[in-house]
Amino acid sequence: MTQEYGVHDIVREDRVFYKMRKLRKMRLSAV
């Protein structure tokens, strides 16, 4: 496992987490 792969993996997970958070906020504001 190279360090680059790890960094890319973290970035990808971060993006997914950010998207989920955004969707949750939109849902809460809609309700």
Protein backbone atom coordinates (compact mmCIF):
# COMPACT_ATOMS: atom_id res chain seq x y z
CA MET A 1 0.00 0.00 0.00
CA THR A 2 1.42 3.36 -1.00
CA GLN A 3 0.85 6.61 0.84
CA GLU A 4 -0.74 8.12 -2.28
CA TYR A 5 -3.44 5.45 -2.36
CA GLY A 6 -4.24 6.09 1.30
CA VAL A 7 -4.57 9.82 0.71
CA HIS A 8 -6.86 9.31 -2.28
CA ASP A 9 -8.98 6.90 -0.26
CA ILE A 10 -9.35 9.44 2.55
CA VAL A 11 -10.33 12.20 0.12
CA ARG A 12 -12.94 9.97 -1.49
CA GLU A 13 -14.47 9.08 1.90
CA ASP A 14 -14.39 12.74 2.91
CA ARG A 15 -16.36 13.69 -0.20
CA VAL A 16 -18.99 11.05 0.48
CA PHE A 17 -19.27 12.18 4.10
CA TYR A 18 -19.63 15.81 2.99
CA LYS A 19 -22.36 14.88 0.50
CA MET A 20 -24.26 12.92 3.16
CA ARG A 21 -24.00 15.85 5.57
CA LYS A 22 -25.26 18.26 2.91
CA LEU A 23 -28.21 16.00 2.10
CA ARG A 24 -29.05 15.67 5.79
CA LYS A 25 -28.98 19.46 6.25
CA MET A 26 -31.23 19.96 3.22
CA ARG A 27 -33.66 17.37 4.58
CA LEU A 28 -33.77 19.00 8.01
CA SER A 29 -34.32 22.46 6.53
CA ALA A 30 -37.05 21.09 4.25
CA VAL A 31 -38.88 19.65 7.27
